[in-house]
Protein backbone atom coordinates (compact mmCIF):
# COMPACT_ATOMS: atom_id res chain seq x y z
CA MET A 1 63.01 1.51 6.84
CA ARG A 2 66.02 1.86 9.14
CA ALA A 3 65.69 -1.73 10.42
CA HIS A 4 65.77 -3.18 6.92
CA ASP A 5 69.03 -4.88 5.81
CA TRP A 6 69.63 -2.70 2.75
CA ALA A 7 73.16 -4.05 2.32
CA ALA A 8 71.62 -7.40 1.37
CA THR A 9 69.71 -5.76 -1.50
CA ALA A 10 70.75 -4.22 -4.78
CA PHE A 11 69.99 -0.81 -3.24
CA GLY A 12 73.04 -0.94 -0.97
CA GLN A 13 73.39 1.25 2.09
CA PRO A 14 71.09 4.34 2.14
CA ALA A 15 74.12 6.55 2.66
CA ASP A 16 75.32 5.59 -0.82
CA TRP A 17 71.97 6.31 -2.56
CA ALA A 18 71.59 9.02 -5.12
CA ALA A 19 70.43 12.29 -3.64
CA GLU A 20 67.23 12.14 -5.73
CA LEU A 21 66.39 8.68 -4.36
CA LYS A 22 66.97 9.81 -0.77
CA VAL A 23 64.63 12.78 -1.12
CA LEU A 24 61.96 10.78 -2.96
CA ALA A 25 62.14 7.86 -0.49
CA ALA A 26 61.69 10.24 2.45
CA PHE A 27 58.67 11.81 0.72
CA VAL A 28 57.06 8.46 -0.13
CA LEU A 29 57.56 6.96 3.32
CA ALA A 30 56.00 10.00 5.01
CA SER A 31 52.98 10.19 2.66
CA PRO A 32 49.54 8.98 3.81
CA GLN A 33 48.77 8.21 0.16
CA PRO A 34 49.68 4.64 -0.92
CA MET A 35 52.92 5.06 -2.91
CA MET A 36 55.81 2.91 -4.09
CA ILE A 37 59.16 3.50 -5.82
CA TRP A 38 60.46 1.14 -8.50
CA TRP A 39 64.17 1.94 -8.92
CA GLY A 40 66.91 0.89 -11.25
CA PRO A 41 67.06 -1.72 -13.98
CA ASP A 42 65.48 -4.37 -11.69
CA LEU A 43 62.75 -1.97 -10.49
CA LEU A 44 63.57 -2.54 -6.82
CA GLN A 45 60.74 -1.57 -4.48
CA ILE A 46 60.39 0.91 -1.65
CA TYR A 47 56.82 1.52 -0.40
CA ASN A 48 55.12 3.18 2.52
CA ASP A 49 52.82 1.84 5.23
CA ALA A 50 49.70 2.92 3.34
CA PHE A 51 50.74 0.78 0.35
CA ALA A 52 51.72 -2.14 2.60
CA GLY A 53 48.14 -2.28 3.87
CA LEU A 54 46.93 -3.00 0.31
CA MET A 55 49.39 -5.80 -0.50
CA GLY A 56 48.34 -8.60 1.85
CA PRO A 57 50.66 -11.10 3.57
CA GLU A 58 51.45 -12.76 0.23
CA ARG A 59 53.77 -9.81 -0.64
CA HIS A 60 54.48 -7.71 2.44
CA PRO A 61 57.05 -7.53 3.92
CA GLY A 62 58.92 -9.77 1.45
CA ALA A 63 58.45 -7.30 -1.41
CA PHE A 64 60.37 -4.55 0.41
CA GLY A 65 63.62 -4.10 -1.54
CA ALA A 66 62.72 -6.91 -3.99
CA ALA A 67 62.26 -6.69 -7.76
CA ALA A 68 58.82 -5.54 -8.92
CA GLN A 69 58.36 -8.21 -11.59
CA HIS A 70 59.00 -10.97 -9.06
CA SER A 71 56.52 -9.50 -6.53
CA TRP A 72 53.79 -8.80 -9.08
CA SER A 73 54.31 -11.67 -11.51
CA GLU A 74 50.61 -12.62 -11.67
CA ILE A 75 49.64 -9.17 -12.99
CA TRP A 76 52.89 -8.18 -14.70
CA SER A 77 51.27 -8.66 -18.10
CA THR A 78 49.13 -5.65 -17.17
CA LEU A 79 51.70 -3.53 -15.33
CA GLY A 80 54.88 -4.35 -17.26
CA PRO A 81 54.02 -2.66 -20.59
CA GLN A 82 52.89 0.50 -18.80
CA VAL A 83 56.11 0.73 -16.78
CA ALA A 84 58.22 0.07 -19.88
CA HIS A 85 56.41 2.90 -21.67
CA VAL A 86 57.29 5.38 -18.91
CA LEU A 87 60.89 4.13 -18.56
CA ALA A 88 61.35 4.64 -22.30
CA GLY A 89 60.52 8.33 -21.92
CA GLY A 90 56.81 8.08 -22.61
CA GLU A 91 54.08 10.13 -20.97
CA PRO A 92 53.06 9.30 -17.39
CA ARG A 93 50.23 6.78 -17.19
CA LEU A 94 46.97 7.07 -15.24
CA ASN A 95 44.37 4.30 -14.99
CA GLU A 96 41.05 5.08 -13.32
CA GLU A 97 38.89 2.46 -11.62
CA GLU A 98 40.55 -0.46 -13.41
CA LEU A 99 39.65 -4.01 -12.45
CA ILE A 100 42.66 -6.24 -11.67
CA GLN A 101 42.43 -9.84 -10.50
CA ILE A 102 44.96 -10.36 -7.72
CA THR A 103 45.72 -12.90 -5.00
CA ARG A 104 45.41 -11.21 -1.63
CA PHE A 105 44.68 -12.45 1.88
CA GLY A 106 44.57 -16.05 0.73
CA ALA A 107 42.18 -15.76 -2.22
CA ARG A 108 41.97 -14.60 -5.80
CA ARG A 109 40.06 -11.34 -5.66
CA SER A 110 38.54 -8.77 -7.99
CA VAL A 111 40.01 -5.43 -6.98
CA TRP A 112 39.44 -2.00 -8.54
CA TRP A 113 42.34 0.45 -8.57
CA THR A 114 42.99 3.98 -9.65
CA TYR A 115 46.75 4.10 -10.20
CA GLY A 116 49.46 5.82 -12.20
CA PHE A 117 53.18 5.73 -13.05
CA SER A 118 55.41 8.84 -13.10
CA PRO A 119 59.10 8.86 -14.14
CA ILE A 120 61.98 9.53 -11.75
CA VAL A 121 64.54 11.51 -13.76
CA VAL A 122 68.19 11.66 -12.62
CA ALA A 123 70.70 13.60 -14.69
CA GLY A 124 68.36 13.56 -17.68
CA THR A 125 67.78 9.79 -17.55
CA VAL A 126 64.73 7.90 -16.30
CA ALA A 127 66.08 5.95 -13.32
CA GLY A 128 62.80 4.54 -12.10
CA VAL A 129 59.10 5.22 -11.61
CA VAL A 130 56.80 6.27 -8.79
CA LEU A 131 53.57 4.31 -8.45
CA THR A 132 50.68 6.11 -6.74
CA CYS A 133 47.49 4.18 -6.21
CA GLN A 134 44.14 4.13 -4.46
CA GLU A 135 41.97 1.07 -3.99
CA VAL A 136 38.39 1.99 -5.03
CA THR A 137 36.79 -1.46 -4.73
CA ALA A 138 34.15 -0.37 -2.19
CA ARG A 139 33.24 2.69 -4.23
CA GLN A 140 33.11 0.67 -7.43
CA ARG A 141 30.87 -1.95 -5.87
CA LEU A 142 28.57 0.78 -4.59
CA THR A 143 28.54 2.36 -8.05
CA ASN A 144 27.73 -1.00 -9.64
CA ARG A 145 24.98 -1.61 -7.13
CA ILE A 146 23.47 1.80 -7.80
CA ARG A 147 23.78 1.22 -11.56
CA HIS A 148 22.10 -2.18 -11.28
CA GLN A 149 19.32 -0.69 -9.16
CA SER A 150 18.92 2.11 -11.67
CA GLU A 151 18.75 -0.40 -14.51
CA ARG A 152 16.21 -2.42 -12.51
CA PHE A 153 14.07 0.65 -11.87
CA GLN A 154 14.35 1.60 -15.53
CA GLN A 155 13.23 -1.91 -16.47
CA LEU A 156 10.28 -1.64 -14.09
CA PHE A 157 9.41 1.79 -15.49
CA GLU A 158 9.68 0.39 -19.01
CA GLN A 159 7.23 -2.41 -18.19
CA ALA A 160 4.81 -0.26 -16.19
CA PRO A 161 1.23 -0.25 -17.53
CA GLY A 162 0.98 3.50 -17.04
CA PHE A 163 2.98 5.98 -19.11
CA ILE A 164 6.18 7.41 -17.55
CA ALA A 165 8.63 10.03 -18.77
CA ILE A 166 11.55 11.95 -17.24
CA LEU A 167 12.19 15.48 -18.49
CA LEU A 168 15.26 17.55 -17.60
CA GLY A 169 15.93 21.28 -17.66
CA PRO A 170 13.69 24.27 -18.36
CA GLN A 171 13.17 23.08 -21.96
CA HIS A 172 11.81 19.76 -20.67
CA VAL A 173 14.18 17.54 -22.62
CA PHE A 174 13.29 13.84 -22.68
CA GLN A 175 15.78 11.70 -20.77
CA PHE A 176 13.51 8.64 -20.52
CA ALA A 177 10.15 7.50 -21.81
CA ASN A 178 8.72 4.03 -21.24
CA ALA A 179 6.91 1.81 -23.71
CA ALA A 180 3.46 3.05 -22.68
CA TYR A 181 4.50 6.67 -23.23
CA ARG A 182 6.09 5.93 -26.59
CA THR A 183 2.95 4.09 -27.69
CA LEU A 184 0.79 7.01 -26.55
CA VAL A 185 2.69 9.51 -28.71
CA GLY A 186 2.97 7.26 -31.74
CA ASN A 187 6.56 6.04 -31.19
CA ARG A 188 8.12 9.38 -32.03
CA PRO A 189 11.89 9.79 -31.40
CA LEU A 190 11.90 11.41 -27.96
CA ILE A 191 15.23 11.06 -26.14
CA GLY A 192 17.31 14.23 -26.11
CA LYS A 193 14.55 16.40 -27.58
CA PRO A 194 12.36 19.06 -25.91
CA VAL A 195 8.65 18.39 -25.47
CA ALA A 196 7.69 21.50 -27.43
CA ASP A 197 9.69 20.33 -30.46
CA ILE A 198 8.56 16.72 -30.57
CA LEU A 199 4.95 17.24 -29.38
CA PRO A 200 3.93 20.64 -30.74
CA GLU A 201 0.21 19.82 -30.58
CA ALA A 202 0.51 19.09 -26.83
CA SER A 203 2.28 22.40 -26.39
CA ALA A 204 -0.58 24.17 -28.18
CA GLN A 205 -3.05 22.53 -25.77
CA GLY A 206 -1.33 23.90 -22.66
CA PHE A 207 0.70 20.89 -21.56
CA VAL A 208 4.09 22.62 -21.83
CA ALA A 209 2.73 25.65 -19.96
CA ARG A 210 1.74 23.31 -17.13
CA LEU A 211 5.24 21.77 -17.16
CA ASP A 212 6.69 25.29 -16.95
CA GLU A 213 4.57 25.98 -13.87
CA VAL A 214 5.70 22.80 -12.12
CA TYR A 215 9.36 23.47 -13.00
CA ALA A 216 9.16 27.08 -11.76
CA SER A 217 7.14 26.43 -8.58
CA GLY A 218 8.46 23.04 -7.52
CA GLU A 219 4.89 21.99 -6.76
CA LEU A 220 3.20 18.80 -7.91
CA HIS A 221 0.34 18.99 -10.40
CA ALA A 222 -2.30 16.27 -10.72
CA GLY A 223 -4.72 16.34 -13.64
CA ARG A 224 -7.77 14.10 -13.90
CA ARG A 225 -9.67 13.38 -17.09
CA VAL A 226 -7.46 15.74 -19.10
CA PRO A 227 -8.28 15.80 -22.85
CA LEU A 228 -5.42 15.56 -25.36
CA THR A 229 -5.44 15.45 -29.14
CA LEU A 230 -2.37 14.09 -30.96
CA THR A 231 -1.72 14.06 -34.69
CA ASP A 232 -0.24 11.05 -36.47
CA GLY A 233 2.34 11.38 -39.22
CA ASP A 234 -0.40 11.08 -41.84
CA GLY A 235 -2.37 13.92 -40.27
CA THR A 236 -4.92 11.73 -38.49
CA GLU A 237 -6.01 13.20 -35.18
CA ARG A 238 -6.43 10.92 -32.17
CA ASP A 239 -8.33 12.03 -29.06
CA TYR A 240 -7.27 10.85 -25.61
CA VAL A 241 -8.36 11.35 -22.02
CA LEU A 242 -5.55 11.16 -19.46
CA ASP A 243 -5.03 11.04 -15.72
CA VAL A 244 -1.57 12.55 -15.27
CA ILE A 245 0.78 13.69 -12.50
CA TYR A 246 3.70 16.11 -12.95
CA GLN A 247 6.18 15.67 -10.08
CA PRO A 248 9.16 18.06 -9.78
CA ILE A 249 12.59 16.38 -9.67
CA VAL A 250 14.70 18.12 -7.00
CA ASP A 251 18.51 17.83 -7.02
CA ASP A 252 20.88 17.71 -4.03
CA ASP A 253 20.96 21.53 -3.86
CA GLY A 254 17.21 21.73 -3.51
CA GLN A 255 16.76 23.10 -7.02
CA VAL A 256 14.23 21.74 -9.51
CA ALA A 257 16.17 19.85 -12.17
CA GLY A 258 13.30 18.40 -14.16
CA VAL A 259 9.82 16.90 -14.11
CA PHE A 260 8.74 13.29 -13.61
CA ILE A 261 5.58 12.42 -15.57
CA GLN A 262 3.36 9.51 -14.62
CA GLY A 263 -0.15 8.79 -15.76
CA HIS A 264 -2.70 6.53 -17.39
CA ASP A 265 -4.61 6.58 -20.64
CA VAL A 266 -8.22 6.47 -19.40
CA THR A 267 -9.83 7.17 -22.77
CA ALA A 268 -11.80 3.91 -22.80
CA HIS A 269 -12.80 4.33 -19.17
CA ALA A 270 -13.97 7.92 -19.76
CA ALA A 271 -16.01 6.78 -22.78
CA ALA A 272 -17.59 4.04 -20.66
CA GLU A 273 -18.41 6.59 -17.95
CA LYS A 274 -20.00 8.85 -20.55
CA ASN A 275 -22.07 5.98 -21.91
CA LEU A 276 -23.08 4.96 -18.40
CA THR A 277 -24.17 8.52 -17.65
CA LEU A 278 -26.25 8.59 -20.82
CA ILE A 279 -27.81 5.24 -19.95
CA ASN A 280 -28.59 6.42 -16.43
CA HIS A 281 -30.15 9.62 -17.75
CA GLU A 282 -32.28 7.51 -20.06
CA LEU A 283 -33.18 5.16 -17.20
CA LYS A 284 -34.04 8.10 -14.99
CA HIS A 285 -36.23 9.54 -17.76
CA ARG A 286 -38.01 6.19 -18.15
CA VAL A 287 -38.60 5.86 -14.40
CA LYS A 288 -40.09 9.34 -14.27
CA ASN A 289 -42.28 8.47 -17.28
CA THR A 290 -43.35 5.26 -15.55
CA LEU A 291 -44.24 7.19 -12.39
CA ALA A 292 -46.14 9.73 -14.50
CA VAL A 293 -48.07 6.91 -16.19
CA THR A 294 -48.74 5.36 -12.76
CA THR A 295 -50.06 8.70 -11.52
CA GLY A 296 -52.29 8.92 -14.59
CA ILE A 297 -53.66 5.44 -13.99
CA VAL A 298 -54.38 6.28 -10.36
CA ASN A 299 -56.12 9.51 -11.40
CA GLN A 300 -58.29 7.74 -13.95
CA THR A 301 -59.10 4.88 -11.59
CA LEU A 302 -60.06 6.89 -8.50
CA ARG A 303 -61.43 10.10 -10.03
CA ASN A 304 -65.11 10.82 -9.33
CA ARG A 305 -65.40 7.78 -7.06
CA GLY A 306 -65.53 9.61 -3.76
CA ASN A 307 -61.88 8.82 -2.97
CA ASP A 308 -60.40 12.30 -3.30
CA GLU A 309 -58.39 12.06 -0.09
CA LEU A 310 -56.94 8.67 -1.11
CA LEU A 311 -56.16 10.04 -4.58
CA THR A 312 -54.34 13.04 -3.10
CA THR A 313 -52.34 10.80 -0.77
CA LEU A 314 -51.28 8.44 -3.55
CA ARG A 315 -50.26 11.28 -5.85
CA ALA A 316 -48.23 12.88 -3.08
CA ARG A 317 -46.43 9.61 -2.33
CA ILE A 318 -45.62 9.01 -5.99
CA SER A 319 -44.36 12.60 -6.32
CA ALA A 320 -42.17 12.17 -3.22
CA TYR A 321 -40.76 8.96 -4.67
CA ALA A 322 -40.01 10.72 -7.99
CA ARG A 323 -38.27 13.63 -6.25
CA ALA A 324 -36.13 11.18 -4.27
CA HIS A 325 -34.93 9.65 -7.54
CA ASP A 326 -33.87 13.11 -8.73
CA ILE A 327 -31.25 13.45 -6.00
CA LEU A 328 -29.43 10.20 -6.77
CA ALA A 329 -25.93 10.65 -8.21
CA PRO A 330 -26.37 11.07 -11.99
CA GLN A 331 -23.22 9.09 -12.87
CA THR A 332 -24.18 5.81 -11.20
CA TRP A 333 -27.66 6.39 -9.74
CA ALA A 334 -26.40 4.34 -6.77
CA THR A 335 -25.81 7.00 -4.10
CA GLY A 336 -27.27 10.16 -2.63
CA THR A 337 -26.98 12.22 0.55
CA VAL A 338 -28.97 12.55 3.76
CA HIS A 339 -29.35 16.27 3.17
CA GLY A 340 -30.62 15.71 -0.36
CA ALA A 341 -33.16 13.10 0.79
CA VAL A 342 -34.52 15.36 3.55
CA MET A 343 -34.71 18.48 1.38
CA SER A 344 -36.49 16.66 -1.46
CA ALA A 345 -39.10 15.35 1.00
CA VAL A 346 -39.92 18.67 2.71
CA GLN A 347 -39.72 21.08 -0.22
CA THR A 348 -43.45 20.91 -0.97
CA PHE A 349 -44.37 21.49 2.68
CA ARG A 350 -41.94 24.38 2.96
CA ALA A 351 -43.50 25.96 -0.11
CA GLN A 352 -46.85 25.75 1.70
CA GLY A 353 -45.49 27.62 4.74
CA GLY A 354 -44.25 24.74 6.87
CA SER A 355 -41.46 25.66 9.29
CA PHE A 356 -38.45 23.34 9.39
CA THR A 357 -35.06 23.48 11.08
CA ILE A 358 -32.68 21.13 9.26
CA GLU A 359 -29.13 20.47 10.43
CA GLY A 360 -26.56 17.74 9.84
CA PRO A 361 -23.48 16.74 7.82
CA ASP A 362 -23.80 15.82 4.15
CA LEU A 363 -23.40 12.05 4.53
CA THR A 364 -23.54 9.71 1.52
CA LEU A 365 -26.10 6.90 1.43
CA GLY A 366 -26.93 4.03 -0.88
CA SER A 367 -29.89 4.49 -3.26
CA ARG A 368 -32.24 2.26 -1.26
CA GLN A 369 -31.54 4.25 1.91
CA VAL A 370 -32.01 7.56 0.08
CA LEU A 371 -35.41 6.49 -1.24
CA SER A 372 -36.68 5.04 2.04
CA LEU A 373 -35.46 8.05 4.06
CA ALA A 374 -37.08 10.50 1.63
CA LEU A 375 -40.40 8.61 1.74
CA ALA A 376 -40.25 8.33 5.55
CA VAL A 377 -39.66 12.07 5.95
CA HIS A 378 -42.48 12.72 3.50
CA GLU A 379 -44.88 10.55 5.53
CA LEU A 380 -43.83 12.28 8.76
CA ALA A 381 -44.44 15.66 7.10
CA VAL A 382 -47.89 14.55 5.85
CA ASN A 383 -48.78 13.40 9.35
CA ALA A 384 -47.51 16.69 10.83
CA ARG A 385 -49.60 18.72 8.37
CA ARG A 386 -52.74 16.74 9.14
CA TYR A 387 -52.46 16.23 12.89
CA GLY A 388 -49.23 17.69 14.22
CA ALA A 389 -46.99 20.72 14.32
CA LEU A 390 -47.60 21.81 10.71
CA SER A 391 -51.40 21.80 11.17
CA ARG A 392 -51.45 25.21 12.89
CA PRO A 393 -49.51 28.50 12.69
CA GLY A 394 -46.43 28.64 14.90
CA GLY A 395 -45.74 24.94 14.75
CA SER A 396 -42.35 23.71 13.57
CA VAL A 397 -40.31 20.59 12.94
CA ASP A 398 -36.68 20.11 13.97
CA ILE A 399 -34.78 17.58 11.81
CA ARG A 400 -31.23 16.72 12.87
CA TRP A 401 -28.69 14.00 12.22
CA MET A 402 -25.11 13.36 13.18
CA LEU A 403 -22.39 10.76 12.94
CA HIS A 404 -20.67 10.26 16.27
CA ASP A 405 -18.10 7.82 17.55
CA PRO A 406 -18.76 6.53 21.08
CA GLU A 407 -16.38 3.81 22.19
CA GLY A 408 -14.75 3.63 18.75
CA GLU A 409 -17.90 2.55 16.89
CA PRO A 410 -19.35 5.14 14.46
CA LYS A 411 -23.12 5.59 14.80
CA PHE A 412 -25.66 7.53 12.74
CA ASP A 413 -28.26 9.35 14.83
CA PHE A 414 -31.35 10.81 13.07
CA SER A 415 -34.24 12.62 14.77
CA TRP A 416 -37.54 14.36 13.89
CA LYS A 417 -39.07 16.48 16.65
CA GLU A 418 -42.30 18.47 16.39
CA SER A 419 -43.27 21.42 18.55
CA GLY A 420 -45.93 24.13 18.66
CA GLY A 421 -48.73 21.91 17.38
CA PRO A 422 -51.87 20.62 19.09
CA PRO A 423 -51.46 18.20 22.04
CA CYS A 424 -50.11 14.92 20.71
CA SER A 425 -51.29 11.42 21.53
CA GLU A 426 -50.66 8.00 20.03
CA PRO A 427 -53.25 7.03 17.38
CA GLU A 428 -55.32 3.90 17.88
CA ARG A 429 -54.09 2.49 14.56
CA HIS A 430 -50.76 2.97 12.76
CA GLY A 431 -51.29 3.46 9.03
CA PHE A 432 -48.98 2.95 6.06
CA GLY A 433 -46.98 6.09 6.84
CA LEU A 434 -45.99 5.11 10.35
CA HIS A 435 -45.37 1.54 9.20
CA LEU A 436 -42.95 2.87 6.55
CA VAL A 437 -41.24 5.10 9.09
CA SER A 438 -40.79 2.50 11.80
CA ARG A 439 -40.25 -0.77 9.94
CA VAL A 440 -39.02 -0.14 6.39
CA LEU A 441 -36.54 2.51 7.51
CA ALA A 442 -35.24 0.21 10.25
CA ALA A 443 -34.69 -2.60 7.74
CA ASP A 444 -32.97 -0.46 5.09
CA PHE A 445 -30.62 1.16 7.62
CA ASP A 446 -30.21 -1.90 9.84
CA ALA A 447 -31.24 0.52 12.58
CA THR A 448 -33.21 0.83 15.77
CA THR A 449 -36.18 3.21 15.39
CA SER A 450 -38.70 4.62 17.83
CA ILE A 451 -41.78 6.85 17.61
CA ALA A 452 -42.97 8.66 20.71
CA PHE A 453 -46.13 10.79 21.16
CA PRO A 454 -45.53 13.19 24.06
CA PRO A 455 -48.07 16.06 24.37
CA SER A 456 -45.45 18.53 23.06
CA GLY A 457 -45.29 16.79 19.68
CA LEU A 458 -44.31 13.61 17.83
CA ILE A 459 -40.69 12.48 18.15
CA PHE A 460 -39.06 10.00 15.78
CA THR A 461 -35.51 8.75 16.29
CA MET A 462 -33.30 6.31 14.41
CA LEU A 463 -29.92 4.94 15.48
CA ALA A 464 -27.84 3.03 12.92
CA LEU A 465 -24.28 1.73 12.91
CA GLY A 466 -21.91 3.74 10.73
CA PRO A 467 -20.95 0.82 8.40
CA SER A 468 -24.60 0.47 7.34
CA LEU A 469 -24.36 3.85 5.61
CA ARG A 470 -21.76 2.67 3.09
CA PRO A 471 -23.00 2.62 -0.51
CA PRO A 472 -23.74 -0.93 -1.70
CA ASP A 473 -21.01 -3.08 -3.26
CA PRO A 474 -22.84 -6.32 -4.12
CA ASP A 475 -19.91 -8.20 -5.57
CA GLY A 476 -17.35 -6.95 -3.08
CA PHE A 477 -15.41 -5.51 -6.00
CA PHE A 478 -14.07 -2.43 -4.23
CA ALA A 479 -13.19 -4.41 -1.13
CA LYS A 480 -10.85 -6.54 -3.25
CA LEU A 481 -8.85 -3.58 -4.56
């Protein structure tokens, strides 16, 4: 300021300046806020260091003391009318986040400014203006980026196959609903309206009460196979089944501001599941009928032919096979549990006084494994009742299984141990029962099996790798998901 040759400018020496200009110049030059004075008819310029940093070498320092229109000729069509308005006694002007194309640092650039003009009044006359400004380019670009991201997310939400809605406030006012949601509710006008007003039937079915709980607690709610009935404009009722999640929206203060809804219309899937369950029940009924007919045929064929023991054995095996079918999962008939297979096989022997200790986790098996394990346990129990621990009072059978993880490879360990029976020895010939136990079970579990006959009682063990216990997936469908 002091080093500048003011005598060479229209300002003249600072000592001759108007008192108002001296005070204002001192204030502007000391301010950390970018500021500039345009003074007199030619709008001569005085600006501070903060403003100089925004001008670029194209203008600073040459603009110091020069006329504003000359320095800012490329944007004077924007600035000139505003300055003229203030000089003519008009209201001060403020422009927020305005885009101005300007040459700076060697290139034409898009720059966002928040700036304003205020009059400098001397003796009742406007002698100039003060320009205050702030470059907000970085903030504007960040705002644009956030807006573009928001628009992108909104586009993705709009195209999502599941239904999505955003509700704000305790009245759950719709701020956004995607195409899937609008289709679900019959394209009703949603935005800006509370759920209870626009979907009264959903409110009556407890959906708004659930939203209230999520809003009040701030805890997520997940509903599976939730029934919903909606009414069309003509009074037609439509039934849906939904999987839906209510996620609280938390603001910067940690307060719940709304609820984010996301879900899927699984009506068709639920109907297919229901039909599949009915089909499986019918199939199960037919299998049991078939086994009953088979039992009848065996009875008629072997009755009164001196084969009572064979008849009893066959009926017992068919009954064991039928009970094993009863424990398969009713929805798919494709899985069951180790515990269910063991319990179905020993229930008859327990009812007859047999003593069993049964212990192990409730592991899931495929249907083939369930059936073979149940039949194997049944055959072991038959053998124990005839020759082993269950053939005399005080005898007992210990059945245990576990899934352990030695050296990072899960293994399934199953054992049957008899005690308290007569001295045990290996039979000269292995019949169907022992063949089923040792060979069929090994094949179905991809396992190693062994049968030992120590004097204390028969011991059967099976060791299978953990992956062999997974329910079957013939087409690899679930592995592809």
